[in-house]
């Protein structure tokens, strides 16, 4: 078993603190919620930049629990997309690179996962509370078209952010 270094522990704690802060801000300021998902996802890449899967799991679970605690559990639906997709996506990307999955196959599977997660979010969070009643088929078609196109842009951006995070952490650790 790989020994966890002090750097990995520090990066995991920093990732959890940043992600939690961003998600709490997003849940209390709804206009920032989607931005909070994205930036919290990037923050969770910190332990992954050193190859610490245990640190990532710690940061992800801590982020979810602390965000729920700070927001009084009433914001579970706002946190749902993060818990079922955005928070797990960096790990899946890291595994895709580590195990050299074919890009097109990985994209297809992740796009279906994204579309499914957005459907679950719409169904259980926003579909119950929205005033506009959309037919089920319209939602599915919209998710499979527009959702997949937006996911392509999101996935591309997350891969670019991963490279930047890895470079930044690498530079910071070389300066020690």
C-alpha atoms as a PDB file:
ATOM      1  CA  UNK A   1       0.000   0.000   0.000  1.00  0.00           C
ATOM      2  CA  UNK A   2       1.299   3.422  -0.950  1.00  0.00           C
ATOM      3  CA  UNK A   3       2.280   5.691   1.928  1.00  0.00           C
ATOM      4  CA  UNK A   4       0.333   8.953   1.998  1.00  0.00           C
ATOM      5  CA  UNK A   5       2.646  11.965   2.139  1.00  0.00           C
ATOM      6  CA  UNK A   6       2.116  15.219   3.998  1.00  0.00           C
ATOM      7  CA  UNK A   7       1.716  16.974   0.635  1.00  0.00           C
ATOM      8  CA  UNK A   8      -1.134  14.673  -0.343  1.00  0.00           C
ATOM      9  CA  UNK A   9      -2.865  15.237   2.990  1.00  0.00           C
ATOM     10  CA  UNK A  10      -2.452  18.995   2.635  1.00  0.00           C
ATOM     11  CA  UNK A  11      -3.725  18.959  -0.958  1.00  0.00           C
ATOM     12  CA  UNK A  12      -6.720  16.855   0.079  1.00  0.00           C
ATOM     13  CA  UNK A  13      -7.575  19.225   2.924  1.00  0.00           C
ATOM     14  CA  UNK A  14      -7.167  22.247   0.654  1.00  0.00           C
ATOM     15  CA  UNK A  15      -9.335  20.619  -2.021  1.00  0.00           C
ATOM     16  CA  UNK A  16     -12.058  19.836   0.534  1.00  0.00           C
ATOM     17  CA  UNK A  17     -11.950  23.352   1.990  1.00  0.00           C
ATOM     18  CA  UNK A  18     -12.084  25.066  -1.404  1.00  0.00           C
ATOM     19  CA  UNK A  19     -14.810  22.785  -2.767  1.00  0.00           C
ATOM     20  CA  UNK A  20     -16.921  23.118   0.353  1.00  0.00           C
ATOM     21  CA  UNK A  21     -16.591  26.911   0.400  1.00  0.00           C
ATOM     22  CA  UNK A  22     -17.544  27.151  -3.262  1.00  0.00           C
ATOM     23  CA  UNK A  23     -20.524  24.827  -2.968  1.00  0.00           C
ATOM     24  CA  UNK A  24     -21.848  26.599   0.135  1.00  0.00           C
ATOM     25  CA  UNK A  25     -21.541  29.900  -1.721  1.00  0.00           C
ATOM     26  CA  UNK A  26     -23.317  28.361  -4.719  1.00  0.00           C
ATOM     27  CA  UNK A  27     -26.168  26.945  -2.665  1.00  0.00           C
ATOM     28  CA  UNK A  28     -26.866  30.219  -0.870  1.00  0.00           C
ATOM     29  CA  UNK A  29     -26.408  32.262  -4.073  1.00  0.00           C
ATOM     30  CA  UNK A  30     -28.293  30.235  -6.711  1.00  0.00           C
ATOM     31  CA  UNK A  31     -26.997  32.285  -9.646  1.00  0.00           C
ATOM     32  CA  UNK A  32     -23.497  30.980  -8.811  1.00  0.00           C
ATOM     33  CA  UNK A  33     -24.472  27.345  -8.327  1.00  0.00           C
ATOM     34  CA  UNK A  34     -23.355  25.982 -11.705  1.00  0.00           C
ATOM     35  CA  UNK A  35     -20.098  27.933 -11.495  1.00  0.00           C
ATOM     36  CA  UNK A  36     -19.585  26.471  -8.024  1.00  0.00           C
ATOM     37  CA  UNK A  37     -19.973  22.937  -9.444  1.00  0.00           C
ATOM     38  CA  UNK A  38     -17.324  23.628 -12.057  1.00  0.00           C
ATOM     39  CA  UNK A  39     -14.763  25.301  -9.818  1.00  0.00           C
ATOM     40  CA  UNK A  40     -15.300  22.775  -7.003  1.00  0.00           C
ATOM     41  CA  UNK A  41     -14.647  20.043  -9.575  1.00  0.00           C
ATOM     42  CA  UNK A  42     -11.342  21.725 -10.458  1.00  0.00           C
ATOM     43  CA  UNK A  43     -10.428  22.071  -6.770  1.00  0.00           C
ATOM     44  CA  UNK A  44     -10.918  18.330  -6.311  1.00  0.00           C
ATOM     45  CA  UNK A  45      -8.173  17.754  -8.869  1.00  0.00           C
ATOM     46  CA  UNK A  46      -5.534  18.847  -6.344  1.00  0.00           C
ATOM     47  CA  UNK A  47      -4.963  15.429  -4.707  1.00  0.00           C
ATOM     48  CA  UNK A  48      -5.273  13.714  -8.099  1.00  0.00           C
ATOM     49  CA  UNK A  49      -2.383  15.854  -9.360  1.00  0.00           C
ATOM     50  CA  UNK A  50      -0.121  13.814  -7.067  1.00  0.00           C
ATOM     51  CA  UNK A  51      -1.835  10.519  -7.896  1.00  0.00           C
ATOM     52  CA  UNK A  52      -3.594  10.339  -4.523  1.00  0.00           C
ATOM     53  CA  UNK A  53      -6.857   8.491  -5.088  1.00  0.00           C
ATOM     54  CA  UNK A  54      -7.382   8.098  -1.336  1.00  0.00           C
ATOM     55  CA  UNK A  55      -6.891  11.843  -0.912  1.00  0.00           C
ATOM     56  CA  UNK A  56      -9.419  12.511  -3.649  1.00  0.00           C
ATOM     57  CA  UNK A  57     -12.009  10.220  -2.039  1.00  0.00           C
ATOM     58  CA  UNK A  58     -11.420  11.928   1.309  1.00  0.00           C
ATOM     59  CA  UNK A  59     -11.812  15.393  -0.253  1.00  0.00           C
ATOM     60  CA  UNK A  60     -14.951  14.379  -2.187  1.00  0.00           C
ATOM     61  CA  UNK A  61     -16.706  12.808   0.809  1.00  0.00           C
ATOM     62  CA  UNK A  62     -15.665  15.624   3.143  1.00  0.00           C
ATOM     63  CA  UNK A  63     -16.914  18.214   0.657  1.00  0.00           C
ATOM     64  CA  UNK A  64     -20.315  16.543   0.383  1.00  0.00           C
ATOM     65  CA  UNK A  65     -20.774  16.120   4.121  1.00  0.00           C
ATOM     66  CA  UNK A  66     -19.561  19.580   5.089  1.00  0.00           C
ATOM     67  CA  UNK A  67     -21.651  21.273   2.412  1.00  0.00           C
ATOM     68  CA  UNK A  68     -24.750  19.454   3.639  1.00  0.00           C
ATOM     69  CA  UNK A  69     -23.928  20.362   7.250  1.00  0.00           C
ATOM     70  CA  UNK A  70     -23.264  24.026   6.512  1.00  0.00           C
ATOM     71  CA  UNK A  71     -26.417  24.303   4.426  1.00  0.00           C
ATOM     72  CA  UNK A  72     -28.664  22.501   6.887  1.00  0.00           C
ATOM     73  CA  UNK A  73     -29.408  19.473   4.662  1.00  0.00           C
ATOM     74  CA  UNK A  74     -32.134  21.519   2.976  1.00  0.00           C
ATOM     75  CA  UNK A  75     -29.911  21.985  -0.058  1.00  0.00           C
ATOM     76  CA  UNK A  76     -29.559  18.304  -0.905  1.00  0.00           C
ATOM     77  CA  UNK A  77     -31.199  18.820  -4.290  1.00  0.00           C
ATOM     78  CA  UNK A  78     -28.817  21.675  -5.136  1.00  0.00           C
ATOM     79  CA  UNK A  79     -25.897  19.418  -4.212  1.00  0.00           C
ATOM     80  CA  UNK A  80     -27.244  16.399  -6.136  1.00  0.00           C
ATOM     81  CA  UNK A  81     -25.540  17.195  -9.492  1.00  0.00           C
ATOM     82  CA  UNK A  82     -22.209  17.568  -7.711  1.00  0.00           C
ATOM     83  CA  UNK A  83     -22.598  14.306  -5.821  1.00  0.00           C
ATOM     84  CA  UNK A  84     -23.658  12.184  -8.791  1.00  0.00           C
ATOM     85  CA  UNK A  85     -21.556  13.749 -11.541  1.00  0.00           C
ATOM     86  CA  UNK A  86     -19.404  16.876 -11.154  1.00  0.00           C
ATOM     87  CA  UNK A  87     -17.554  15.716  -8.059  1.00  0.00           C
ATOM     88  CA  UNK A  88     -16.822  12.261  -9.520  1.00  0.00           C
ATOM     89  CA  UNK A  89     -15.883  13.401 -13.021  1.00  0.00           C
ATOM     90  CA  UNK A  90     -12.221  14.304 -12.207  1.00  0.00           C
ATOM     91  CA  UNK A  91     -11.636  10.784 -10.895  1.00  0.00           C
ATOM     92  CA  UNK A  92     -13.121   9.188 -14.007  1.00  0.00           C
ATOM     93  CA  UNK A  93     -10.932  11.406 -16.210  1.00  0.00           C
ATOM     94  CA  UNK A  94      -7.877  10.409 -14.206  1.00  0.00           C
ATOM     95  CA  UNK A  95      -8.743   6.719 -14.593  1.00  0.00           C
ATOM     96  CA  UNK A  96      -9.325   7.257 -18.316  1.00  0.00           C
ATOM     97  CA  UNK A  97      -5.774   8.580 -18.648  1.00  0.00           C
ATOM     98  CA  UNK A  98      -4.195   6.014 -16.337  1.00  0.00           C
ATOM     99  CA  UNK A  99      -5.761   3.012 -18.077  1.00  0.00           C
ATOM    100  CA  UNK A 100      -5.566   4.551 -21.576  1.00  0.00           C
ATOM    101  CA  UNK A 101      -9.249   4.169 -22.416  1.00  0.00           C
ATOM    102  CA  UNK A 102     -10.144   4.983 -25.990  1.00  0.00           C
ATOM    103  CA  UNK A 103     -11.178   8.643 -26.126  1.00  0.00           C
ATOM    104  CA  UNK A 104     -14.318   8.159 -28.193  1.00  0.00           C
ATOM    105  CA  UNK A 105     -15.564   5.266 -26.046  1.00  0.00           C
ATOM    106  CA  UNK A 106     -14.814   7.105 -22.802  1.00  0.00           C
ATOM    107  CA  UNK A 107     -16.537  10.219 -24.133  1.00  0.00           C
ATOM    108  CA  UNK A 108     -19.633   8.230 -25.120  1.00  0.00           C
ATOM    109  CA  UNK A 109     -19.894   6.583 -21.689  1.00  0.00           C
ATOM    110  CA  UNK A 110     -19.240   9.834 -19.807  1.00  0.00           C
ATOM    111  CA  UNK A 111     -21.737  11.717 -21.984  1.00  0.00           C
ATOM    112  CA  UNK A 112     -24.427   9.131 -21.207  1.00  0.00           C
ATOM    113  CA  UNK A 113     -23.508   9.392 -17.519  1.00  0.00           C
ATOM    114  CA  UNK A 114     -23.762  13.197 -17.705  1.00  0.00           C
ATOM    115  CA  UNK A 115     -27.101  13.070 -19.519  1.00  0.00           C
ATOM    116  CA  UNK A 116     -28.409  10.540 -16.991  1.00  0.00           C
ATOM    117  CA  UNK A 117     -27.219  12.619 -14.049  1.00  0.00           C
ATOM    118  CA  UNK A 118     -28.840  15.736 -15.476  1.00  0.00           C
ATOM    119  CA  UNK A 119     -32.065  13.798 -16.062  1.00  0.00           C
ATOM    120  CA  UNK A 120     -32.081  12.554 -12.447  1.00  0.00           C
ATOM    121  CA  UNK A 121     -31.402  16.105 -11.274  1.00  0.00           C
ATOM    122  CA  UNK A 122     -34.202  17.498 -13.416  1.00  0.00           C
ATOM    123  CA  UNK A 123     -36.585  14.730 -12.397  1.00  0.00           C
ATOM    124  CA  UNK A 124     -36.034  14.833  -8.654  1.00  0.00           C
ATOM    125  CA  UNK A 125     -34.920  18.376  -8.008  1.00  0.00           C
ATOM    126  CA  UNK A 126     -36.148  20.805 -10.604  1.00  0.00           C
ATOM    127  CA  UNK A 127     -38.959  18.845 -12.249  1.00  0.00           C
ATOM    128  CA  UNK A 128     -40.894  18.746  -8.995  1.00  0.00           C
ATOM    129  CA  UNK A 129     -40.563  22.448  -8.326  1.00  0.00           C
ATOM    130  CA  UNK A 130     -40.712  24.071 -11.765  1.00  0.00           C
ATOM    131  CA  UNK A 131     -43.802  25.910 -12.879  1.00  0.00           C
ATOM    132  CA  UNK A 132     -43.289  25.034 -16.554  1.00  0.00           C
ATOM    133  CA  UNK A 133     -44.467  21.505 -17.306  1.00  0.00           C
ATOM    134  CA  UNK A 134     -42.309  19.941 -20.001  1.00  0.00           C
ATOM    135  CA  UNK A 135     -43.212  16.616 -21.602  1.00  0.00           C
ATOM    136  CA  UNK A 136     -40.843  13.815 -20.552  1.00  0.00           C
ATOM    137  CA  UNK A 137     -39.815  13.123 -24.155  1.00  0.00           C
ATOM    138  CA  UNK A 138     -38.869  16.776 -24.689  1.00  0.00           C
ATOM    139  CA  UNK A 139     -36.594  16.729 -21.655  1.00  0.00           C
ATOM    140  CA  UNK A 140     -34.864  13.537 -22.785  1.00  0.00           C
ATOM    141  CA  UNK A 141     -34.354  14.844 -26.335  1.00  0.00           C
ATOM    142  CA  UNK A 142     -33.051  18.161 -25.002  1.00  0.00           C
ATOM    143  CA  UNK A 143     -30.614  16.405 -22.672  1.00  0.00           C
ATOM    144  CA  UNK A 144     -29.355  14.020 -25.344  1.00  0.00           C
ATOM    145  CA  UNK A 145     -28.704  16.821 -27.828  1.00  0.00           C
ATOM    146  CA  UNK A 146     -27.894  20.027 -26.010  1.00  0.00           C
ATOM    147  CA  UNK A 147     -26.674  18.209 -22.906  1.00  0.00           C
ATOM    148  CA  UNK A 148     -24.188  16.099 -24.859  1.00  0.00           C
ATOM    149  CA  UNK A 149     -22.920  19.149 -26.783  1.00  0.00           C
ATOM    150  CA  UNK A 150     -22.415  21.069 -23.546  1.00  0.00           C
ATOM    151  CA  UNK A 151     -20.771  18.040 -21.993  1.00  0.00           C
ATOM    152  CA  UNK A 152     -18.227  17.902 -24.831  1.00  0.00           C
ATOM    153  CA  UNK A 153     -17.203  21.506 -24.057  1.00  0.00           C
ATOM    154  CA  UNK A 154     -17.189  20.819 -20.318  1.00  0.00           C
ATOM    155  CA  UNK A 155     -15.102  17.632 -20.642  1.00  0.00           C
ATOM    156  CA  UNK A 156     -12.581  19.372 -22.900  1.00  0.00           C
ATOM    157  CA  UNK A 157     -12.284  22.256 -20.424  1.00  0.00           C
ATOM    158  CA  UNK A 158     -11.843  19.910 -17.461  1.00  0.00           C
ATOM    159  CA  UNK A 159      -9.009  18.088 -19.235  1.00  0.00           C
ATOM    160  CA  UNK A 160      -7.311  21.437 -19.899  1.00  0.00           C
ATOM    161  CA  UNK A 161      -7.831  22.470 -16.258  1.00  0.00           C
ATOM    162  CA  UNK A 162      -6.327  19.148 -15.156  1.00  0.00           C
ATOM    163  CA  UNK A 163      -3.136  19.890 -17.089  1.00  0.00           C
ATOM    164  CA  UNK A 164      -2.929  23.351 -15.524  1.00  0.00           C
ATOM    165  CA  UNK A 165      -3.513  22.023 -11.988  1.00  0.00           C
ATOM    166  CA  UNK A 166      -0.880  19.314 -12.461  1.00  0.00           C
ATOM    167  CA  UNK A 167       1.642  21.882 -13.708  1.00  0.00           C
ATOM    168  CA  UNK A 168       0.863  24.322 -10.893  1.00  0.00           C
ATOM    169  CA  UNK A 169       1.140  21.721  -8.136  1.00  0.00           C
ATOM    170  CA  UNK A 170       4.316  20.363  -9.716  1.00  0.00           C
ATOM    171  CA  UNK A 171       5.895  23.846  -9.715  1.00  0.00           C
ATOM    172  CA  UNK A 172       4.839  24.518  -6.134  1.00  0.00           C
ATOM    173  CA  UNK A 173       6.263  21.238  -4.856  1.00  0.00           C
ATOM    174  CA  UNK A 174       9.574  21.764  -6.687  1.00  0.00           C
ATOM    175  CA  UNK A 175      10.042  25.118  -4.898  1.00  0.00           C
ATOM    176  CA  UNK A 176      10.040  23.564  -1.421  1.00  0.00           C
END
